[in-house]
Amino acid sequence: MALICWLLAVYSLVVIFHVVLRMIVDFMRIPWGHPVRRISDVLAVVVDPALNLIRRMLPAVPLGGLNLDLSPIVLLVGLAVIRGILC
């Protein structure tokens, strides 16, 4: 059980790190060969399947000229709830 709790905590940190790196890559327009871009792409392979499931049920919220993606927040809240129940 402790292993599951630890994995949920690590996955939560990976989700947060992925969101931050994705924002850096998008806003700073980091080129394809850059190491930060490569790390972001590796994290996307791990995190995006869960985010895509949530995105299918909860589309982005239009906010002015932007679309606000709430899927990382929903995923983190879900992971916290699961950790609270199991751990």
N, C-alpha and C. Protein backbone atom coordinates (compact mmCIF):
# COMPACT_ATOMS: atom_id res chain seq x y z
N MET A 1 0.83 -1.20 0.00
CA MET A 1 0.00 0.00 0.00
C MET A 1 0.87 1.26 0.00
N ALA A 2 1.99 1.18 0.72
CA ALA A 2 2.89 2.34 0.77
C ALA A 2 3.46 2.64 -0.62
N LEU A 3 3.69 1.60 -1.40
CA LEU A 3 4.19 1.80 -2.76
C LEU A 3 3.18 2.54 -3.62
N ILE A 4 1.92 2.19 -3.51
CA ILE A 4 0.86 2.86 -4.27
C ILE A 4 0.79 4.33 -3.87
N CYS A 5 0.86 4.61 -2.59
CA CYS A 5 0.82 5.99 -2.11
C CYS A 5 2.00 6.78 -2.65
N TRP A 6 3.17 6.14 -2.64
CA TRP A 6 4.37 6.80 -3.15
C TRP A 6 4.25 7.07 -4.65
N LEU A 7 3.74 6.09 -5.41
CA LEU A 7 3.58 6.26 -6.86
C LEU A 7 2.58 7.37 -7.18
N LEU A 8 1.50 7.46 -6.41
CA LEU A 8 0.53 8.53 -6.63
C LEU A 8 1.16 9.90 -6.35
N ALA A 9 1.99 9.99 -5.32
CA ALA A 9 2.66 11.25 -5.00
C ALA A 9 3.65 11.63 -6.09
N VAL A 10 4.41 10.66 -6.58
CA VAL A 10 5.37 10.92 -7.65
C VAL A 10 4.65 11.33 -8.92
N TYR A 11 3.55 10.64 -9.25
CA TYR A 11 2.80 10.99 -10.46
C TYR A 11 2.23 12.41 -10.36
N SER A 12 1.79 12.81 -9.17
CA SER A 12 1.30 14.17 -8.98
C SER A 12 2.41 15.19 -9.27
N LEU A 13 3.60 14.89 -8.79
CA LEU A 13 4.73 15.79 -9.05
C LEU A 13 5.09 15.82 -10.54
N VAL A 14 4.99 14.68 -11.19
CA VAL A 14 5.27 14.62 -12.63
C VAL A 14 4.24 15.46 -13.39
N VAL A 15 2.98 15.42 -13.00
CA VAL A 15 1.94 16.22 -13.65
C VAL A 15 2.25 17.70 -13.48
N ILE A 16 2.60 18.11 -12.28
CA ILE A 16 2.92 19.52 -12.03
C ILE A 16 4.13 19.94 -12.86
N PHE A 17 5.17 19.11 -12.85
CA PHE A 17 6.38 19.42 -13.60
C PHE A 17 6.08 19.50 -15.09
N HIS A 18 5.23 18.61 -15.60
CA HIS A 18 4.84 18.63 -17.01
C HIS A 18 4.11 19.92 -17.37
N VAL A 19 3.19 20.35 -16.52
CA VAL A 19 2.44 21.58 -16.81
C VAL A 19 3.38 22.78 -16.84
N VAL A 20 4.28 22.86 -15.89
CA VAL A 20 5.22 23.99 -15.84
C VAL A 20 6.14 23.98 -17.06
N LEU A 21 6.68 22.81 -17.39
CA LEU A 21 7.56 22.74 -18.56
C LEU A 21 6.82 23.04 -19.85
N ARG A 22 5.58 22.58 -19.96
CA ARG A 22 4.81 22.84 -21.17
C ARG A 22 4.55 24.34 -21.33
N MET A 23 4.30 25.02 -20.22
CA MET A 23 4.10 26.47 -20.29
C MET A 23 5.40 27.16 -20.70
N ILE A 24 6.52 26.72 -20.17
CA ILE A 24 7.81 27.31 -20.55
C ILE A 24 8.08 27.08 -22.03
N VAL A 25 7.85 25.87 -22.50
CA VAL A 25 8.08 25.55 -23.91
C VAL A 25 7.17 26.38 -24.81
N ASP A 26 5.91 26.51 -24.44
CA ASP A 26 4.96 27.23 -25.29
C ASP A 26 5.20 28.74 -25.28
N PHE A 27 5.43 29.31 -24.10
CA PHE A 27 5.55 30.76 -24.02
C PHE A 27 6.91 31.27 -24.49
N MET A 28 7.96 30.47 -24.30
CA MET A 28 9.30 30.91 -24.71
C MET A 28 9.66 30.40 -26.09
N ARG A 29 8.77 29.63 -26.69
CA ARG A 29 8.97 29.10 -28.04
C ARG A 29 10.32 28.39 -28.16
N ILE A 30 10.53 27.42 -27.29
CA ILE A 30 11.77 26.67 -27.27
C ILE A 30 11.82 25.75 -28.49
N PRO A 31 12.96 25.73 -29.21
CA PRO A 31 13.05 24.92 -30.43
C PRO A 31 13.05 23.42 -30.14
N TRP A 32 12.84 22.63 -31.20
CA TRP A 32 12.66 21.19 -31.07
C TRP A 32 13.86 20.47 -30.48
N GLY A 33 15.07 20.84 -30.77
CA GLY A 33 16.23 20.09 -30.31
C GLY A 33 16.67 20.42 -28.90
N HIS A 34 16.06 21.40 -28.28
CA HIS A 34 16.48 21.86 -26.95
C HIS A 34 16.19 20.80 -25.89
N PRO A 35 17.10 20.64 -24.89
CA PRO A 35 16.88 19.62 -23.85
C PRO A 35 15.59 19.80 -23.05
N VAL A 36 15.19 21.03 -22.80
CA VAL A 36 13.94 21.28 -22.07
C VAL A 36 12.77 20.75 -22.88
N ARG A 37 12.81 20.92 -24.16
CA ARG A 37 11.75 20.43 -25.04
C ARG A 37 11.69 18.90 -25.01
N ARG A 38 12.88 18.26 -25.00
CA ARG A 38 12.92 16.80 -24.97
C ARG A 38 12.34 16.26 -23.66
N ILE A 39 12.69 16.91 -22.55
CA ILE A 39 12.16 16.49 -21.25
C ILE A 39 10.65 16.65 -21.23
N SER A 40 10.17 17.76 -21.76
CA SER A 40 8.73 18.01 -21.82
C SER A 40 8.02 16.95 -22.66
N ASP A 41 8.63 16.55 -23.75
CA ASP A 41 8.03 15.52 -24.60
C ASP A 41 8.00 14.16 -23.92
N VAL A 42 9.03 13.83 -23.15
CA VAL A 42 9.05 12.57 -22.41
C VAL A 42 7.96 12.57 -21.35
N LEU A 43 7.82 13.68 -20.64
CA LEU A 43 6.77 13.77 -19.62
C LEU A 43 5.39 13.71 -20.25
N ALA A 44 5.26 14.25 -21.46
CA ALA A 44 3.96 14.22 -22.15
C ALA A 44 3.53 12.79 -22.44
N VAL A 45 4.49 11.90 -22.73
CA VAL A 45 4.16 10.50 -22.99
C VAL A 45 3.56 9.86 -21.74
N VAL A 46 4.02 10.28 -20.57
CA VAL A 46 3.54 9.70 -19.31
C VAL A 46 2.21 10.32 -18.87
N VAL A 47 2.06 11.63 -19.05
CA VAL A 47 0.93 12.36 -18.47
C VAL A 47 -0.24 12.52 -19.45
N ASP A 48 0.04 12.68 -20.73
CA ASP A 48 -1.02 13.00 -21.68
C ASP A 48 -2.14 11.95 -21.80
N PRO A 49 -1.88 10.65 -21.67
CA PRO A 49 -3.02 9.72 -21.74
C PRO A 49 -4.09 10.02 -20.68
N ALA A 50 -3.69 10.31 -19.46
CA ALA A 50 -4.66 10.63 -18.41
C ALA A 50 -5.33 11.97 -18.70
N LEU A 51 -4.55 12.94 -19.15
CA LEU A 51 -5.13 14.26 -19.44
C LEU A 51 -6.10 14.19 -20.61
N ASN A 52 -5.78 13.37 -21.61
CA ASN A 52 -6.67 13.27 -22.77
C ASN A 52 -8.02 12.65 -22.40
N LEU A 53 -8.03 11.71 -21.46
CA LEU A 53 -9.30 11.15 -20.99
C LEU A 53 -10.17 12.25 -20.35
N ILE A 54 -9.54 13.08 -19.55
CA ILE A 54 -10.27 14.17 -18.90
C ILE A 54 -10.71 15.21 -19.92
N ARG A 55 -9.85 15.50 -20.90
CA ARG A 55 -10.19 16.50 -21.93
C ARG A 55 -11.39 16.07 -22.76
N ARG A 56 -11.59 14.76 -22.94
CA ARG A 56 -12.76 14.30 -23.68
C ARG A 56 -14.05 14.60 -22.94
N MET A 57 -13.99 14.53 -21.60
CA MET A 57 -15.19 14.78 -20.80
C MET A 57 -15.35 16.26 -20.45
N LEU A 58 -14.24 16.98 -20.34
CA LEU A 58 -14.26 18.38 -19.92
C LEU A 58 -13.48 19.21 -20.93
N PRO A 59 -14.15 19.81 -21.89
CA PRO A 59 -13.43 20.61 -22.88
C PRO A 59 -12.86 21.88 -22.25
N ALA A 60 -11.96 22.51 -22.97
CA ALA A 60 -11.34 23.74 -22.50
C ALA A 60 -12.40 24.84 -22.35
N VAL A 61 -12.22 25.67 -21.34
CA VAL A 61 -13.17 26.74 -21.05
C VAL A 61 -12.71 28.00 -21.78
N PRO A 62 -13.57 28.59 -22.63
CA PRO A 62 -13.17 29.83 -23.31
C PRO A 62 -13.07 30.98 -22.30
N LEU A 63 -11.96 31.68 -22.37
CA LEU A 63 -11.70 32.78 -21.44
C LEU A 63 -11.12 33.93 -22.25
N GLY A 64 -11.99 34.80 -22.70
CA GLY A 64 -11.53 35.88 -23.57
C GLY A 64 -11.05 35.30 -24.89
N GLY A 65 -9.80 35.58 -25.24
CA GLY A 65 -9.22 35.04 -26.46
C GLY A 65 -8.49 33.74 -26.24
N LEU A 66 -8.54 33.22 -25.03
CA LEU A 66 -7.82 31.99 -24.69
C LEU A 66 -8.78 30.86 -24.38
N ASN A 67 -8.27 29.66 -24.43
CA ASN A 67 -9.01 28.49 -23.95
C ASN A 67 -8.26 27.94 -22.74
N LEU A 68 -8.92 27.91 -21.60
CA LEU A 68 -8.31 27.46 -20.36
C LEU A 68 -8.52 25.96 -20.20
N ASP A 69 -7.42 25.20 -20.17
CA ASP A 69 -7.47 23.75 -20.03
C ASP A 69 -7.46 23.41 -18.54
N LEU A 70 -8.55 22.86 -18.04
CA LEU A 70 -8.68 22.53 -16.63
C LEU A 70 -8.32 21.08 -16.32
N SER A 71 -7.93 20.32 -17.34
CA SER A 71 -7.67 18.89 -17.12
C SER A 71 -6.53 18.62 -16.14
N PRO A 72 -5.42 19.38 -16.11
CA PRO A 72 -4.40 19.10 -15.09
C PRO A 72 -4.91 19.32 -13.67
N ILE A 73 -5.74 20.32 -13.47
CA ILE A 73 -6.29 20.59 -12.14
C ILE A 73 -7.21 19.44 -11.72
N VAL A 74 -8.06 18.99 -12.64
CA VAL A 74 -8.97 17.89 -12.33
C VAL A 74 -8.17 16.63 -12.03
N LEU A 75 -7.11 16.38 -12.80
CA LEU A 75 -6.28 15.19 -12.56
C LEU A 75 -5.60 15.27 -11.19
N LEU A 76 -5.05 16.43 -10.84
CA LEU A 76 -4.39 16.57 -9.54
C LEU A 76 -5.37 16.43 -8.38
N VAL A 77 -6.57 16.98 -8.53
CA VAL A 77 -7.58 16.82 -7.48
C VAL A 77 -7.99 15.35 -7.37
N GLY A 78 -8.16 14.68 -8.49
CA GLY A 78 -8.50 13.27 -8.48
C GLY A 78 -7.42 12.42 -7.82
N LEU A 79 -6.16 12.72 -8.13
CA LEU A 79 -5.06 11.99 -7.49
C LEU A 79 -5.02 12.25 -5.99
N ALA A 80 -5.30 13.49 -5.59
CA ALA A 80 -5.31 13.82 -4.16
C ALA A 80 -6.45 13.08 -3.45
N VAL A 81 -7.59 12.99 -4.09
CA VAL A 81 -8.74 12.27 -3.48
C VAL A 81 -8.39 10.79 -3.34
N ILE A 82 -7.81 10.20 -4.40
CA ILE A 82 -7.44 8.79 -4.34
C ILE A 82 -6.39 8.56 -3.26
N ARG A 83 -5.41 9.45 -3.17
CA ARG A 83 -4.40 9.33 -2.11
C ARG A 83 -5.03 9.46 -0.72
N GLY A 84 -5.99 10.36 -0.59
CA GLY A 84 -6.66 10.53 0.70
C GLY A 84 -7.44 9.30 1.10
N ILE A 85 -8.03 8.63 0.15
CA ILE A 85 -8.81 7.43 0.45
C ILE A 85 -7.90 6.24 0.75
N LEU A 86 -6.88 6.05 -0.07
CA LEU A 86 -6.02 4.88 0.08
C LEU A 86 -4.96 5.03 1.17
N CYS A 87 -4.47 6.23 1.34
CA CYS A 87 -3.33 6.41 2.24
C CYS A 87 -3.83 6.96 3.56
